[in-house]
């Protein structure tokens, strides 16, 4: 293989000629430049819509919609399933759902939920939180 060396650059083929290319710019005589830049197009009066194109567009949209719904159900179904199981578990293990099933308005829901927070339950919960804070502080002080 023959290599030529031009200006310190080695080429794998014989390079003959200048590294610069010259172009001669000639002015455009005759017609106006606007005809070259924006060509004249014959005006069309009717726009045709084919039934096949319309059917293809609707079919593409429908397939895209089905694809999005299927991917949503496939990827989001585990979270949906866990939510349903948690809801059924809460309803089966607590009387919350049986109390709220006969409720007709949001105000009644608030009253029912407030009725679950009795003074005894609030005292037990506050004692639990205070005990947890005390244990956490003792662990932090030991380090």
C-alpha atoms as a PDB file:
ATOM      1  CA  UNK A   1       0.000   0.000   0.000  1.00  0.00           C
ATOM      2  CA  UNK A   2       1.339   3.374  -0.938  1.00  0.00           C
ATOM      3  CA  UNK A   3       1.061   6.294   1.547  1.00  0.00           C
ATOM      4  CA  UNK A   4       1.510   9.937   0.650  1.00  0.00           C
ATOM      5  CA  UNK A   5       2.489  12.470   3.254  1.00  0.00           C
ATOM      6  CA  UNK A   6       1.026  15.957   2.775  1.00  0.00           C
ATOM      7  CA  UNK A   7       1.641  18.631   5.418  1.00  0.00           C
ATOM      8  CA  UNK A   8       2.465  16.003   8.024  1.00  0.00           C
ATOM      9  CA  UNK A   9      -0.706  13.983   7.390  1.00  0.00           C
ATOM     10  CA  UNK A  10      -0.379  10.515   5.960  1.00  0.00           C
ATOM     11  CA  UNK A  11      -3.045   9.483   3.442  1.00  0.00           C
ATOM     12  CA  UNK A  12      -3.601   5.839   2.393  1.00  0.00           C
ATOM     13  CA  UNK A  13      -3.978   6.941  -1.237  1.00  0.00           C
ATOM     14  CA  UNK A  14      -1.980   9.260  -3.435  1.00  0.00           C
ATOM     15  CA  UNK A  15      -3.236  12.784  -2.777  1.00  0.00           C
ATOM     16  CA  UNK A  16      -2.648  15.258  -5.543  1.00  0.00           C
ATOM     17  CA  UNK A  17      -4.002  18.723  -5.407  1.00  0.00           C
ATOM     18  CA  UNK A  18      -4.732  21.655  -3.179  1.00  0.00           C
ATOM     19  CA  UNK A  19      -6.324  21.342   0.240  1.00  0.00           C
ATOM     20  CA  UNK A  20      -8.612  24.271  -0.593  1.00  0.00           C
ATOM     21  CA  UNK A  21     -11.365  24.136  -3.156  1.00  0.00           C
ATOM     22  CA  UNK A  22     -12.310  27.257  -5.032  1.00  0.00           C
ATOM     23  CA  UNK A  23     -15.778  27.992  -6.309  1.00  0.00           C
ATOM     24  CA  UNK A  24     -16.635  30.697  -8.730  1.00  0.00           C
ATOM     25  CA  UNK A  25     -19.842  32.445  -7.765  1.00  0.00           C
ATOM     26  CA  UNK A  26     -21.674  33.750 -10.791  1.00  0.00           C
ATOM     27  CA  UNK A  27     -24.600  36.140 -10.529  1.00  0.00           C
ATOM     28  CA  UNK A  28     -28.007  34.889 -11.583  1.00  0.00           C
ATOM     29  CA  UNK A  29     -29.193  36.732 -14.669  1.00  0.00           C
ATOM     30  CA  UNK A  30     -32.637  36.498 -16.058  1.00  0.00           C
ATOM     31  CA  UNK A  31     -35.455  35.634 -13.703  1.00  0.00           C
ATOM     32  CA  UNK A  32     -35.922  36.929 -10.187  1.00  0.00           C
ATOM     33  CA  UNK A  33     -34.409  35.172  -7.191  1.00  0.00           C
ATOM     34  CA  UNK A  34     -37.838  34.745  -5.588  1.00  0.00           C
ATOM     35  CA  UNK A  35     -38.754  32.125  -8.182  1.00  0.00           C
ATOM     36  CA  UNK A  36     -35.778  30.065  -7.089  1.00  0.00           C
ATOM     37  CA  UNK A  37     -36.291  30.543  -3.360  1.00  0.00           C
ATOM     38  CA  UNK A  38     -40.096  30.169  -3.365  1.00  0.00           C
ATOM     39  CA  UNK A  39     -41.170  28.223  -6.430  1.00  0.00           C
ATOM     40  CA  UNK A  40     -44.598  28.801  -7.896  1.00  0.00           C
ATOM     41  CA  UNK A  41     -47.006  25.984  -7.152  1.00  0.00           C
ATOM     42  CA  UNK A  42     -50.264  25.507  -8.917  1.00  0.00           C
ATOM     43  CA  UNK A  43     -53.175  26.155  -6.563  1.00  0.00           C
ATOM     44  CA  UNK A  44     -55.322  23.168  -5.791  1.00  0.00           C
ATOM     45  CA  UNK A  45     -58.978  23.681  -5.026  1.00  0.00           C
ATOM     46  CA  UNK A  46     -60.043  20.264  -3.755  1.00  0.00           C
ATOM     47  CA  UNK A  47     -58.564  18.368  -0.874  1.00  0.00           C
ATOM     48  CA  UNK A  48     -59.258  14.676  -1.075  1.00  0.00           C
ATOM     49  CA  UNK A  49     -59.840  12.553   1.985  1.00  0.00           C
ATOM     50  CA  UNK A  50     -59.829   8.868   1.345  1.00  0.00           C
ATOM     51  CA  UNK A  51     -61.805   6.433   3.433  1.00  0.00           C
ATOM     52  CA  UNK A  52     -58.775   4.180   3.634  1.00  0.00           C
ATOM     53  CA  UNK A  53     -56.710   6.981   5.193  1.00  0.00           C
ATOM     54  CA  UNK A  54     -59.444   7.732   7.685  1.00  0.00           C
ATOM     55  CA  UNK A  55     -59.777   4.061   8.627  1.00  0.00           C
ATOM     56  CA  UNK A  56     -56.000   3.780   8.975  1.00  0.00           C
ATOM     57  CA  UNK A  57     -55.907   6.814  11.264  1.00  0.00           C
ATOM     58  CA  UNK A  58     -58.721   5.498  13.457  1.00  0.00           C
ATOM     59  CA  UNK A  59     -57.142   2.024  13.575  1.00  0.00           C
ATOM     60  CA  UNK A  60     -53.759   3.500  14.564  1.00  0.00           C
ATOM     61  CA  UNK A  61     -55.394   5.540  17.315  1.00  0.00           C
ATOM     62  CA  UNK A  62     -57.363   2.522  18.565  1.00  0.00           C
ATOM     63  CA  UNK A  63     -54.301   0.267  18.638  1.00  0.00           C
ATOM     64  CA  UNK A  64     -52.318   2.945  20.467  1.00  0.00           C
ATOM     65  CA  UNK A  65     -55.107   3.343  23.012  1.00  0.00           C
ATOM     66  CA  UNK A  66     -55.378  -0.421  23.568  1.00  0.00           C
ATOM     67  CA  UNK A  67     -51.597  -0.607  23.945  1.00  0.00           C
ATOM     68  CA  UNK A  68     -51.581   2.158  26.583  1.00  0.00           C
ATOM     69  CA  UNK A  69     -54.441   0.562  28.528  1.00  0.00           C
ATOM     70  CA  UNK A  70     -52.785  -2.875  28.411  1.00  0.00           C
ATOM     71  CA  UNK A  71     -49.408  -1.531  29.546  1.00  0.00           C
ATOM     72  CA  UNK A  72     -51.106   0.437  32.334  1.00  0.00           C
ATOM     73  CA  UNK A  73     -52.910  -2.655  33.557  1.00  0.00           C
ATOM     74  CA  UNK A  74     -49.817  -4.854  33.317  1.00  0.00           C
ATOM     75  CA  UNK A  75     -47.454  -2.461  35.088  1.00  0.00           C
ATOM     76  CA  UNK A  76     -49.899  -0.982  37.595  1.00  0.00           C
ATOM     77  CA  UNK A  77     -51.876  -4.114  38.437  1.00  0.00           C
ATOM     78  CA  UNK A  78     -49.556  -5.204  41.305  1.00  0.00           C
ATOM     79  CA  UNK A  79     -50.168  -1.902  43.108  1.00  0.00           C
ATOM     80  CA  UNK A  80     -53.882  -2.158  42.393  1.00  0.00           C
ATOM     81  CA  UNK A  81     -53.951  -5.716  43.718  1.00  0.00           C
ATOM     82  CA  UNK A  82     -52.093  -4.753  46.900  1.00  0.00           C
ATOM     83  CA  UNK A  83     -54.492  -1.841  47.454  1.00  0.00           C
ATOM     84  CA  UNK A  84     -57.515  -4.092  47.029  1.00  0.00           C
ATOM     85  CA  UNK A  85     -56.076  -6.677  49.423  1.00  0.00           C
ATOM     86  CA  UNK A  86     -55.262  -4.031  52.042  1.00  0.00           C
ATOM     87  CA  UNK A  87     -58.764  -2.588  51.736  1.00  0.00           C
ATOM     88  CA  UNK A  88     -60.424  -5.974  52.091  1.00  0.00           C
ATOM     89  CA  UNK A  89     -58.137  -6.802  55.012  1.00  0.00           C
ATOM     90  CA  UNK A  90     -59.024  -3.595  56.836  1.00  0.00           C
ATOM     91  CA  UNK A  91     -62.720  -4.148  56.197  1.00  0.00           C
ATOM     92  CA  UNK A  92     -62.609  -7.768  57.408  1.00  0.00           C
ATOM     93  CA  UNK A  93     -60.433  -7.196  60.476  1.00  0.00           C
ATOM     94  CA  UNK A  94     -61.952  -3.944  61.754  1.00  0.00           C
ATOM     95  CA  UNK A  95     -65.511  -2.694  62.179  1.00  0.00           C
ATOM     96  CA  UNK A  96     -64.638   0.443  60.194  1.00  0.00           C
ATOM     97  CA  UNK A  97     -66.314  -0.613  56.944  1.00  0.00           C
ATOM     98  CA  UNK A  98     -69.472  -1.852  58.642  1.00  0.00           C
ATOM     99  CA  UNK A  99     -69.832   1.473  60.452  1.00  0.00           C
ATOM    100  CA  UNK A 100     -69.213   3.521  57.308  1.00  0.00           C
ATOM    101  CA  UNK A 101     -71.386   1.455  54.961  1.00  0.00           C
ATOM    102  CA  UNK A 102     -74.629   3.176  55.966  1.00  0.00           C
ATOM    103  CA  UNK A 103     -73.192   6.709  55.797  1.00  0.00           C
ATOM    104  CA  UNK A 104     -74.694   9.110  53.283  1.00  0.00           C
ATOM    105  CA  UNK A 105     -72.646  12.318  53.609  1.00  0.00           C
ATOM    106  CA  UNK A 106     -69.106  13.423  54.306  1.00  0.00           C
ATOM    107  CA  UNK A 107     -70.096  15.037  57.595  1.00  0.00           C
ATOM    108  CA  UNK A 108     -71.390  11.679  58.835  1.00  0.00           C
ATOM    109  CA  UNK A 109     -68.087  10.076  57.799  1.00  0.00           C
ATOM    110  CA  UNK A 110     -66.173  12.657  59.856  1.00  0.00           C
ATOM    111  CA  UNK A 111     -68.424  12.023  62.862  1.00  0.00           C
ATOM    112  CA  UNK A 112     -67.976   8.250  62.561  1.00  0.00           C
ATOM    113  CA  UNK A 113     -64.186   8.533  62.329  1.00  0.00           C
ATOM    114  CA  UNK A 114     -64.100  10.953  65.273  1.00  0.00           C
ATOM    115  CA  UNK A 115     -66.167   8.501  67.286  1.00  0.00           C
ATOM    116  CA  UNK A 116     -63.380   5.961  66.899  1.00  0.00           C
ATOM    117  CA  UNK A 117     -60.957   8.347  68.660  1.00  0.00           C
ATOM    118  CA  UNK A 118     -62.118   7.903  72.263  1.00  0.00           C
ATOM    119  CA  UNK A 119     -60.209   9.506  75.187  1.00  0.00           C
ATOM    120  CA  UNK A 120     -58.945   6.081  76.294  1.00  0.00           C
ATOM    121  CA  UNK A 121     -57.564   5.279  72.842  1.00  0.00           C
ATOM    122  CA  UNK A 122     -55.923   8.726  72.590  1.00  0.00           C
ATOM    123  CA  UNK A 123     -54.294   8.235  76.010  1.00  0.00           C
ATOM    124  CA  UNK A 124     -52.950   4.823  74.985  1.00  0.00           C
ATOM    125  CA  UNK A 125     -51.600   6.228  71.710  1.00  0.00           C
ATOM    126  CA  UNK A 126     -49.948   9.243  73.405  1.00  0.00           C
ATOM    127  CA  UNK A 127     -48.333   6.954  76.032  1.00  0.00           C
ATOM    128  CA  UNK A 128     -47.009   4.752  73.227  1.00  0.00           C
ATOM    129  CA  UNK A 129     -45.488   7.754  71.390  1.00  0.00           C
ATOM    130  CA  UNK A 130     -43.957   9.203  74.573  1.00  0.00           C
ATOM    131  CA  UNK A 131     -42.429   5.808  75.425  1.00  0.00           C
ATOM    132  CA  UNK A 132     -40.999   5.504  71.908  1.00  0.00           C
ATOM    133  CA  UNK A 133     -39.457   8.996  72.115  1.00  0.00           C
ATOM    134  CA  UNK A 134     -37.954   8.168  75.516  1.00  0.00           C
ATOM    135  CA  UNK A 135     -36.397   4.956  74.155  1.00  0.00           C
ATOM    136  CA  UNK A 136     -35.050   6.777  71.085  1.00  0.00           C
ATOM    137  CA  UNK A 137     -33.428   9.465  73.246  1.00  0.00           C
ATOM    138  CA  UNK A 138     -31.844   6.865  75.497  1.00  0.00           C
ATOM    139  CA  UNK A 139     -30.395   5.093  72.454  1.00  0.00           C
ATOM    140  CA  UNK A 140     -29.023   8.389  71.113  1.00  0.00           C
ATOM    141  CA  UNK A 141     -27.502   9.319  74.486  1.00  0.00           C
ATOM    142  CA  UNK A 142     -25.752   5.937  74.774  1.00  0.00           C
ATOM    143  CA  UNK A 143     -23.730   6.606  71.618  1.00  0.00           C
END
